[in-house]
Protein backbone atom coordinates (compact mmCIF):
# COMPACT_ATOMS: atom_id res chain seq x y z
CA MET A 1 -30.38 7.55 -2.40
CA ILE A 2 -28.58 5.49 -5.06
CA VAL A 3 -24.82 5.10 -4.65
CA TRP A 4 -22.45 3.51 -7.14
CA LEU A 5 -19.17 1.98 -5.94
CA ILE A 6 -16.39 1.42 -8.49
CA LYS A 7 -13.64 -0.99 -7.42
CA ILE A 8 -11.85 -3.86 -9.14
CA GLY A 9 -9.18 -6.16 -7.73
CA GLU A 10 -10.92 -6.59 -4.37
CA CYS A 11 -12.28 -9.92 -3.14
CA VAL A 12 -15.98 -10.13 -3.94
CA PRO A 13 -17.87 -12.06 -1.24
CA LEU A 14 -20.21 -14.49 -2.98
CA GLU A 15 -22.09 -17.34 -1.32
CA SER A 16 -20.08 -19.81 -3.39
CA ASN A 17 -16.56 -18.57 -2.62
CA GLY A 18 -16.47 -17.92 1.14
CA GLN A 19 -14.45 -14.72 0.71
CA ARG A 20 -14.26 -12.31 3.63
CA ARG A 21 -15.72 -8.85 3.19
CA MET A 22 -13.25 -6.06 2.51
CA ARG A 23 -13.63 -2.28 2.26
CA THR A 24 -16.01 -1.97 -0.71
CA ALA A 25 -18.33 -4.73 0.51
CA LEU A 26 -18.39 -3.23 4.00
CA ILE A 27 -19.17 0.25 2.64
CA ALA A 28 -21.99 -1.27 0.56
CA GLU A 29 -23.47 -3.04 3.58
CA SER A 30 -23.32 0.13 5.67
CA LEU A 31 -25.10 2.08 2.93
CA VAL A 32 -27.84 -0.53 2.65
CA LYS A 33 -28.34 -0.48 6.45
CA LYS A 34 -29.05 3.26 6.18
CA GLY A 35 -31.74 2.59 3.57
CA HIS A 36 -29.72 3.43 0.45
CA ARG A 37 -29.47 1.44 -2.78
CA VAL A 38 -26.05 0.29 -3.97
CA VAL A 39 -24.51 -0.81 -7.25
CA TRP A 40 -20.94 -2.10 -7.10
CA TRP A 41 -19.17 -2.08 -10.47
CA THR A 42 -16.32 -4.57 -10.68
CA SER A 43 -14.54 -6.96 -13.05
CA THR A 44 -15.15 -10.66 -13.66
CA PHE A 45 -11.38 -11.11 -13.22
CA ASP A 46 -10.16 -12.00 -9.73
CA HIS A 47 -6.80 -10.28 -9.15
CA ALA A 48 -5.67 -12.60 -6.34
CA SER A 49 -6.21 -15.93 -8.11
CA LYS A 50 -5.63 -14.57 -11.64
CA SER A 51 -8.81 -16.29 -12.81
CA HIS A 52 -12.29 -15.29 -13.96
CA LEU A 53 -15.24 -15.53 -11.58
CA PHE A 54 -17.59 -15.52 -14.59
CA ASN A 55 -17.04 -16.05 -18.32
CA THR A 56 -19.27 -13.17 -19.38
CA ASP A 57 -20.78 -9.97 -17.99
CA PHE A 58 -22.85 -10.93 -14.96
CA VAL A 59 -25.27 -9.29 -12.54
CA HIS A 60 -25.51 -10.58 -8.96
CA ASP A 61 -28.25 -9.26 -6.69
CA VAL A 62 -27.05 -9.60 -3.11
CA THR A 63 -30.35 -8.12 -1.87
CA GLU A 64 -33.11 -6.02 -3.43
CA SER A 65 -31.07 -2.94 -2.54
CA TYR A 66 -27.56 -4.19 -3.31
CA ARG A 67 -26.39 -5.25 -6.77
CA ILE A 68 -22.93 -6.24 -8.01
CA ILE A 69 -22.29 -5.82 -11.74
CA PHE A 70 -19.37 -7.83 -13.12
CA ILE A 71 -17.85 -6.61 -16.39
CA LYS A 72 -15.89 -9.15 -18.46
CA THR A 73 -12.27 -8.11 -19.10
CA PRO A 74 -9.36 -10.06 -20.66
CA GLY A 75 -7.44 -10.61 -17.39
CA TYR A 76 -3.68 -10.97 -16.98
CA LYS A 77 -1.11 -13.38 -15.57
CA LYS A 78 1.26 -11.01 -13.76
CA HIS A 79 0.79 -8.10 -11.35
CA VAL A 80 3.17 -5.99 -13.41
CA SER A 81 2.52 -6.35 -17.12
CA LEU A 82 1.24 -4.62 -20.22
CA ALA A 83 -1.65 -7.12 -20.15
CA ARG A 84 -2.80 -5.68 -16.82
CA ILE A 85 -2.78 -2.13 -18.20
CA LEU A 86 -4.78 -3.29 -21.24
CA ASP A 87 -7.22 -5.10 -18.94
CA HIS A 88 -7.79 -1.84 -17.05
CA ARG A 89 -8.27 0.08 -20.32
CA CYS A 90 -10.90 -2.47 -21.38
CA MET A 91 -12.65 -2.12 -18.02
CA GLU A 92 -12.65 1.69 -18.34
CA ARG A 93 -14.19 1.57 -21.82
CA LYS A 94 -16.87 -1.00 -20.97
CA LEU A 95 -17.68 0.71 -17.66
CA SER A 96 -18.23 4.04 -19.45
CA GLU A 97 -20.63 2.33 -21.85
CA SER A 98 -22.46 0.33 -19.17
CA MET A 99 -23.03 3.26 -16.82
CA GLN A 100 -25.18 4.96 -19.48
CA LYS A 101 -27.72 2.11 -19.31
CA LEU A 102 -28.70 2.53 -15.64
CA PRO A 103 -30.70 5.23 -13.82
CA VAL A 104 -28.45 8.11 -12.75
CA PRO A 105 -27.16 7.68 -9.17
CA ASP A 106 -26.98 10.35 -6.48
CA LEU A 107 -23.24 9.81 -5.93
CA ILE A 108 -20.32 7.67 -7.09
CA VAL A 109 -17.42 6.47 -4.91
CA SER A 110 -14.52 5.49 -7.16
CA ALA A 111 -11.51 3.80 -5.58
CA LEU A 112 -7.94 4.66 -6.54
CA PRO A 113 -6.48 2.54 -7.97
CA VAL A 114 -7.48 2.32 -10.84
CA PRO A 115 -6.83 5.83 -12.31
CA GLY A 116 -8.73 5.17 -15.55
CA LEU A 117 -11.86 4.11 -13.69
CA CYS A 118 -11.72 7.30 -11.64
CA SER A 119 -11.54 9.20 -14.96
CA ALA A 120 -14.59 7.34 -16.22
CA ALA A 121 -16.47 8.28 -13.03
CA ILE A 122 -15.46 11.95 -13.34
CA ARG A 123 -16.57 12.12 -16.98
CA TYR A 124 -19.90 10.54 -16.12
CA GLY A 125 -20.34 12.86 -13.15
CA LYS A 126 -19.76 15.95 -15.25
CA SER A 127 -22.23 14.83 -17.91
CA ASN A 128 -24.94 13.86 -15.43
CA ASN A 129 -24.37 16.30 -12.53
CA VAL A 130 -23.34 13.54 -10.12
CA PRO A 131 -20.80 14.19 -7.33
CA ILE A 132 -17.78 11.89 -7.22
CA ILE A 133 -15.76 10.81 -4.19
CA VAL A 134 -12.29 9.45 -4.96
CA ASP A 135 -11.29 6.97 -2.23
CA ILE A 136 -7.46 6.82 -2.19
CA ARG A 137 -6.20 3.36 -1.23
CA ASP A 138 -2.91 3.27 -3.16
CA LEU A 139 -0.56 5.87 -4.60
CA TRP A 140 -0.84 5.03 -8.29
CA PRO A 141 0.98 5.81 -10.49
CA ASP A 142 3.75 7.11 -8.19
CA THR A 143 4.45 3.62 -6.87
CA TYR A 144 3.19 1.47 -9.75
CA TRP A 145 6.26 1.87 -11.94
CA LEU A 146 8.51 0.87 -9.01
CA HIS A 147 7.24 -2.70 -9.40
CA TRP A 148 8.66 -2.90 -12.93
CA PRO A 149 12.14 -4.36 -13.56
CA VAL A 150 14.85 -1.68 -13.31
CA THR A 151 15.69 -2.08 -17.01
CA LEU A 152 12.09 -1.24 -17.99
CA ARG A 153 11.35 1.65 -15.61
CA LYS A 154 11.89 4.36 -18.21
CA ILE A 155 9.32 2.63 -20.40
CA ALA A 156 7.07 2.22 -17.36
CA LYS A 157 7.10 5.97 -16.71
CA ILE A 158 6.02 6.58 -20.30
CA VAL A 159 3.26 3.95 -20.01
CA THR A 160 2.01 5.46 -16.75
CA TYR A 161 1.91 9.04 -18.08
CA ARG A 162 -1.79 8.63 -18.90
CA MET A 163 -2.37 7.35 -15.35
CA GLU A 164 -0.75 10.49 -13.95
CA LYS A 165 -3.03 12.77 -15.99
CA SER A 166 -6.06 10.75 -14.91
CA VAL A 167 -5.14 10.91 -11.21
CA ARG A 168 -4.50 14.66 -11.26
CA ALA A 169 -7.79 15.34 -13.03
CA ALA A 170 -9.77 13.01 -10.76
CA CYS A 171 -8.32 14.49 -7.56
CA ARG A 172 -8.94 18.02 -8.88
CA GLU A 173 -12.51 17.46 -10.10
CA ALA A 174 -13.83 15.19 -7.32
CA ALA A 175 -16.46 16.61 -4.97
CA ALA A 176 -14.46 15.08 -2.11
CA LEU A 177 -11.40 12.96 -1.44
CA THR A 178 -11.10 10.25 1.18
CA GLY A 179 -7.96 8.36 2.13
CA ILE A 180 -7.08 5.32 4.21
CA THR A 181 -4.47 7.44 6.04
CA ARG A 182 -3.73 11.13 6.49
CA GLU A 183 -0.65 10.70 4.27
CA PHE A 184 -2.76 9.26 1.45
CA LEU A 185 -5.33 12.05 1.70
CA GLU A 186 -2.63 14.75 1.62
CA TRP A 187 -1.10 13.06 -1.43
CA GLY A 188 -4.46 13.30 -3.20
CA LEU A 189 -4.93 16.94 -2.29
CA GLU A 190 -1.48 17.70 -3.66
CA LYS A 191 -2.20 15.83 -6.89
CA GLY A 192 -5.41 17.80 -7.29
CA GLU A 193 -3.72 21.11 -6.37
CA ARG A 194 -6.55 21.85 -3.98
CA GLU A 195 -7.02 22.84 -0.37
CA GLY A 196 -8.67 20.35 1.91
CA THR A 197 -12.27 20.93 3.03
CA ALA A 198 -14.50 19.46 5.71
CA LEU A 199 -15.63 16.89 3.13
CA ASP A 200 -12.11 15.53 2.57
CA LYS A 201 -11.59 12.95 5.30
CA VAL A 202 -9.58 9.94 6.47
CA PHE A 203 -11.34 6.60 6.89
CA PRO A 204 -8.85 3.83 7.73
CA LEU A 205 -9.13 0.29 6.50
CA ALA A 206 -11.30 -1.55 9.00
CA TYR A 207 -12.36 -5.08 9.83
CA PRO A 208 -15.68 -6.45 11.13
CA VAL A 209 -16.05 -7.95 14.59
CA ARG A 210 -17.14 -11.54 14.00
CA GLU A 211 -17.53 -14.67 16.04
CA LEU A 212 -17.65 -18.25 14.77
CA SER A 213 -20.43 -20.57 15.81
CA CYS A 214 -19.38 -23.41 18.09
CA GLU A 215 -20.03 -26.01 15.37
CA ALA A 216 -17.99 -24.11 12.76
CA SER A 217 -15.19 -23.55 15.25
CA ILE A 218 -14.90 -27.29 16.00
CA GLY A 219 -14.85 -28.16 12.30
CA HIS A 220 -12.16 -25.59 11.56
CA ARG A 221 -10.01 -26.72 14.47
CA LEU A 222 -10.05 -30.25 13.05
CA PHE A 223 -9.03 -28.82 9.68
CA TRP A 224 -6.01 -27.06 11.20
CA ARG A 225 -5.07 -30.09 13.26
CA SER A 226 -4.60 -31.98 9.99
CA PHE A 227 -1.76 -29.53 9.24
CA GLY A 228 -0.24 -29.96 12.69
CA ILE A 229 -1.56 -26.56 13.83
CA GLU A 230 -3.25 -26.43 17.23
CA LYS A 231 -3.10 -24.86 20.66
CA LYS A 232 -0.49 -27.00 22.34
CA GLU A 233 1.93 -26.43 25.20
CA GLY A 234 5.38 -25.58 23.86
CA LEU A 235 4.24 -25.01 20.24
CA PHE A 236 4.50 -21.44 18.91
CA VAL A 237 2.26 -20.79 15.88
CA GLY A 238 2.94 -17.97 13.43
CA ILE A 239 0.74 -17.18 10.44
CA PHE A 240 0.86 -15.28 7.18
CA ILE A 241 -2.45 -14.61 5.41
CA GLY A 242 -2.46 -12.89 2.04
CA VAL A 243 -1.63 -13.01 -1.65
CA ILE A 244 1.39 -15.23 -2.32
CA SER A 245 3.33 -13.03 -4.76
CA LYS A 246 7.00 -12.43 -5.49
CA LYS A 247 6.56 -8.88 -4.22
CA THR A 248 5.83 -10.20 -0.71
CA LYS A 249 9.23 -11.97 -0.56
CA LEU A 250 8.09 -14.80 1.68
CA ASP A 251 11.50 -16.45 1.28
CA VAL A 252 12.72 -14.21 4.11
CA LEU A 253 10.16 -15.69 6.50
CA LEU A 254 10.60 -19.25 5.28
CA ASP A 255 14.41 -19.07 5.45
CA ALA A 256 14.04 -17.88 9.04
CA VAL A 257 11.73 -20.82 9.76
CA ARG A 258 14.29 -23.17 8.24
CA ILE A 259 16.85 -21.79 10.71
CA LEU A 260 14.40 -22.42 13.55
CA ASP A 261 13.79 -25.97 12.39
CA GLU A 262 17.48 -26.66 12.92
CA SER A 263 17.87 -24.86 16.27
CA HIS A 264 14.39 -25.30 17.83
CA LYS A 265 12.99 -28.46 16.28
CA GLY A 266 9.32 -28.99 16.99
CA LYS A 267 8.92 -25.64 18.77
CA PHE A 268 7.57 -23.54 15.87
CA LYS A 269 4.87 -23.98 13.24
CA ILE A 270 4.25 -21.41 10.48
CA ALA A 271 1.16 -21.44 8.25
CA ILE A 272 1.40 -19.68 4.86
CA CYS A 273 -2.22 -19.10 3.82
CA GLY A 274 -3.41 -17.78 0.50
CA ASP A 275 -3.00 -18.24 -3.23
CA GLY A 276 -0.97 -16.50 -5.88
CA GLU A 277 1.69 -16.64 -8.55
CA ASP A 278 4.52 -17.63 -6.19
CA LEU A 279 2.76 -20.38 -4.20
CA GLU A 280 3.94 -23.41 -6.18
CA ARG A 281 7.56 -22.26 -6.22
CA LEU A 282 7.51 -21.83 -2.44
CA ARG A 283 5.88 -25.23 -1.96
CA ARG A 284 8.61 -26.88 -4.02
CA LYS A 285 11.36 -25.06 -2.13
CA TYR A 286 10.08 -25.29 1.45
CA GLY A 287 7.28 -27.86 1.43
CA ASN A 288 9.46 -30.59 2.89
CA LEU A 289 10.10 -28.66 6.12
CA PRO A 290 8.01 -30.11 8.98
CA ASN A 291 7.42 -26.72 10.63
CA ILE A 292 5.82 -25.09 7.57
CA ALA A 293 2.25 -25.62 6.30
CA PHE A 294 0.84 -24.47 2.95
CA PRO A 295 -2.95 -24.89 3.20
CA GLY A 296 -3.51 -22.59 0.18
CA TRP A 297 -6.63 -20.44 -0.06
CA ILE A 298 -8.76 -20.56 3.09
CA SER A 299 -12.28 -19.34 3.86
CA ALA A 300 -13.25 -16.48 6.16
CA GLY A 301 -14.23 -18.96 8.89
CA GLN A 302 -10.95 -20.81 8.58
CA ILE A 303 -9.09 -17.51 8.90
CA ARG A 304 -10.91 -16.63 12.11
CA SER A 305 -10.27 -20.04 13.62
CA LEU A 306 -6.59 -19.95 12.64
CA MET A 307 -6.11 -16.53 14.23
CA ALA A 308 -7.65 -17.90 17.43
CA ILE A 309 -4.94 -20.58 17.49
CA ALA A 310 -1.98 -18.42 16.41
CA ASP A 311 0.53 -16.59 18.61
CA VAL A 312 1.68 -13.98 16.07
CA GLY A 313 0.73 -12.62 12.66
CA VAL A 314 3.54 -11.97 10.18
CA ASN A 315 3.22 -8.94 7.92
CA LEU A 316 5.88 -8.44 5.22
CA LEU A 317 5.67 -5.12 3.36
CA PRO A 318 7.91 -3.80 0.58
CA PRO A 319 9.88 -0.72 1.76
CA GLN A 320 8.01 1.60 -0.64
CA GLU A 321 6.20 4.89 -0.16
CA ASP A 322 2.69 3.45 -0.55
CA PHE A 323 3.30 0.75 2.07
CA LEU A 324 5.27 2.99 4.43
CA GLY A 325 2.35 5.43 4.56
CA THR A 326 -0.39 2.98 5.46
CA VAL A 327 -1.68 0.40 7.91
CA ASN A 328 -2.63 -2.48 5.63
CA ASN A 329 -5.60 -4.85 5.71
CA LYS A 330 -3.52 -7.77 6.91
CA ALA A 331 -2.27 -5.93 9.99
CA ILE A 332 -5.79 -4.83 10.91
CA GLU A 333 -7.08 -8.36 10.46
CA TYR A 334 -4.45 -9.63 12.91
CA LEU A 335 -5.36 -6.89 15.39
CA SER A 336 -9.03 -7.91 15.21
CA ALA A 337 -8.06 -11.26 16.75
CA GLY A 338 -5.72 -9.72 19.33
CA LEU A 339 -2.66 -11.08 17.53
CA PRO A 340 0.72 -9.39 18.07
CA ILE A 341 2.22 -8.32 14.72
CA LEU A 342 5.70 -9.16 13.48
CA SER A 343 6.26 -6.75 10.60
CA SER A 344 8.82 -5.36 8.20
CA PRO A 345 10.24 -2.89 7.38
CA ASN A 346 11.22 -1.22 10.65
CA ARG A 347 10.04 2.23 9.57
CA GLY A 348 6.84 3.84 8.33
CA LEU A 349 3.36 4.37 9.74
CA LEU A 350 2.70 0.76 10.78
CA HIS A 351 6.12 0.49 12.45
CA GLU A 352 5.36 3.63 14.48
CA MET A 353 1.94 2.31 15.49
CA ILE A 354 3.40 -1.03 16.56
CA TYR A 355 5.99 0.52 18.85
CA GLU A 356 3.89 3.39 20.18
CA ASN A 357 1.14 0.96 21.21
CA GLN A 358 3.34 -2.05 22.05
CA ILE A 359 1.43 -4.43 19.78
CA GLY A 360 4.31 -6.33 18.22
CA MET A 361 7.82 -6.08 16.81
CA THR A 362 9.40 -4.96 13.54
CA PHE A 363 12.58 -5.88 11.71
CA GLU A 364 14.54 -4.70 8.68
CA SER A 365 13.36 -6.02 5.32
CA ASN A 366 15.16 -9.15 4.07
CA ASP A 367 16.87 -9.76 7.45
CA ARG A 368 16.00 -13.40 8.08
CA ASP A 369 18.24 -13.61 11.15
CA ALA A 370 16.46 -10.67 12.81
CA LEU A 371 13.12 -12.26 11.96
CA ALA A 372 14.19 -15.58 13.49
CA GLU A 373 15.45 -13.82 16.62
CA SER A 374 12.14 -11.93 16.96
CA LEU A 375 10.17 -15.19 16.72
CA ILE A 376 12.37 -16.76 19.41
CA MET A 377 11.99 -13.70 21.65
CA MET A 378 8.20 -13.78 21.33
CA ARG A 379 8.03 -17.51 22.02
CA ASN A 380 10.22 -17.23 25.11
CA ASP A 381 8.22 -14.39 26.69
CA PRO A 382 4.51 -15.34 26.99
CA GLY A 383 3.94 -12.41 29.37
CA MET A 384 5.06 -9.96 26.68
CA ARG A 385 2.79 -11.69 24.16
CA ARG A 386 -0.21 -11.37 26.49
CA ARG A 387 0.43 -7.65 26.96
CA MET A 388 0.80 -7.14 23.21
CA SER A 389 -2.39 -9.10 22.62
CA GLU A 390 -4.41 -6.95 25.02
CA ASN A 391 -2.97 -3.80 23.44
CA ALA A 392 -3.83 -5.11 19.98
CA LYS A 393 -7.46 -5.70 20.97
CA GLN A 394 -7.68 -2.21 22.44
CA ILE A 395 -6.32 -0.33 19.44
CA PHE A 396 -8.53 -2.38 17.13
CA ARG A 397 -11.64 -1.46 19.15
CA GLU A 398 -10.63 2.21 19.24
CA CYS A 399 -9.57 2.70 15.61
CA PHE A 400 -10.28 -0.13 13.20
CA THR A 401 -13.69 -1.75 13.69
CA ALA A 402 -15.79 -1.74 10.52
CA GLU A 403 -18.87 -1.16 12.70
CA ALA A 404 -17.43 2.25 13.66
CA VAL A 405 -15.49 3.34 10.56
CA TYR A 406 -17.90 2.66 7.69
CA PRO A 407 -21.07 4.18 9.19
CA ARG A 408 -19.02 7.39 9.54
CA MET A 409 -18.03 7.06 5.89
CA VAL A 410 -21.71 6.71 4.94
CA GLU A 411 -22.49 9.88 6.90
CA ASN A 412 -19.81 11.69 4.91
CA ILE A 413 -21.28 10.36 1.65
CA GLU A 414 -24.68 11.76 2.66
CA THR A 415 -23.07 15.09 3.56
CA VAL A 416 -21.27 15.28 0.19
CA VAL A 417 -24.57 14.71 -1.65
CA GLY A 418 -26.27 17.41 0.43
CA ALA A 419 -23.44 19.90 -0.13
CA TYR A 420 -23.42 19.18 -3.87
CA LEU A 421 -27.18 19.76 -4.14
CA ASN A 422 -26.91 22.98 -2.13
CA ARG A 423 -24.16 24.30 -4.42
CA ALA A 424 -26.19 23.35 -7.48
CA MET A 425 -29.25 25.16 -6.08
CA SER A 426 -27.14 28.19 -5.21
CA ARG A 427 -25.70 28.35 -8.74
CA LYS A 428 -29.20 28.04 -10.18
CA ASN A 429 -30.53 30.86 -7.98
CA ASN A 430 -27.55 33.07 -8.80
CA GLY A 431 -28.10 32.43 -12.50
CA GLU A 432 -31.77 33.34 -12.26
CA THR A 433 -30.90 36.50 -10.29
CA LYS A 434 -28.35 37.59 -12.92
CA ARG A 435 -30.82 36.94 -15.74
CA ALA A 436 -33.48 38.97 -13.94
CA GLU A 437 -31.05 41.84 -13.42
CA SER A 438 -30.04 41.69 -17.08
CA ASN A 439 -33.69 41.79 -18.20
CA ASN A 440 -34.41 44.75 -15.90
CA ALA A 441 -31.43 46.60 -17.34
CA LEU A 442 -32.78 46.08 -20.86
CA ILE A 443 -36.17 47.46 -19.79
């Protein structure tokens, strides 16, 4: 079976960049393990670093059965901009053209976002009798316009009108919908004005179980020691791993750390890991504080080693519908290492999971004092941290291991293909029966 995956904006794990594998890469690997062939369509433009991986269209063969096709697009400088919308339009047009050049697949999984790429998949599917699964990972365009400045939101709603039409059509015409949470799946069913079936399912974001080699672990520990980060009696280490954007509002965390530097000097160390548009501003503003480290982008191995050192993972989410209805990649990554989570806001699906399972603490968005108090409380109660850590490991094993989630997703993909072929055969047989009856009536 040949399966196409359509997803831009996700880290692409290449040998040269050390990126960790996220949802699309993990789905691809699970498909290949079952003996299927995979083509992942993506862009040359890396959303996180706002730079191009390649300067032209490029084909990368991961294995004989797994190919990644990079399509050159213009790129953009800001998350929220007309340039980003034009970049997506370019990707949609070039994807539609490029898909015609390859053998027809058995199924396409198109991730939402981006709405236009889901439209391209639906159009191709209709023309070539290929079933489409729309995998809902974000609530575009319902939440996209919220990122625009207040003064431009009326214009944003006009700009996103085409997105809305694309989403409704894609959710209506897809052979199946999948979502990272029940709330996301129900949103898609509502957009498509359809009843859910056994093929419409929830597959949460998941993270692979990985261990570092002893040699790699030693090397990474030396790397972190150069930033003053290590397992040491009396030192509490907190980490943030992710895209450094204005939307994340890391000032709240760093202002809290500044408070702690004054009241608990030498007791806390916070590592802000990642790259993005807001990194240099934060370095200029907070880089002189001794209890804050800005290592920048770090490799998958460095992430694993850092989480083994850390005492808590910080997860700052905007208080918006799309974030309130999901458990994000960052939280699951922390859980994979048994890290308690310190998260905002103090409502939504992740908040409920944290308190129901006793795996961390939450605080109100933008409340730096509450964040500082939570860090102090965690540091002062190692017994509580140990209990939260054990609970975190348990819920990760039960719900969020890639080794469990994505093989089930592959099984659903196989089921969708089978159901689609059965319906096509049934329609063909019904058509032949009706033609035979019509011919008999003429005789």
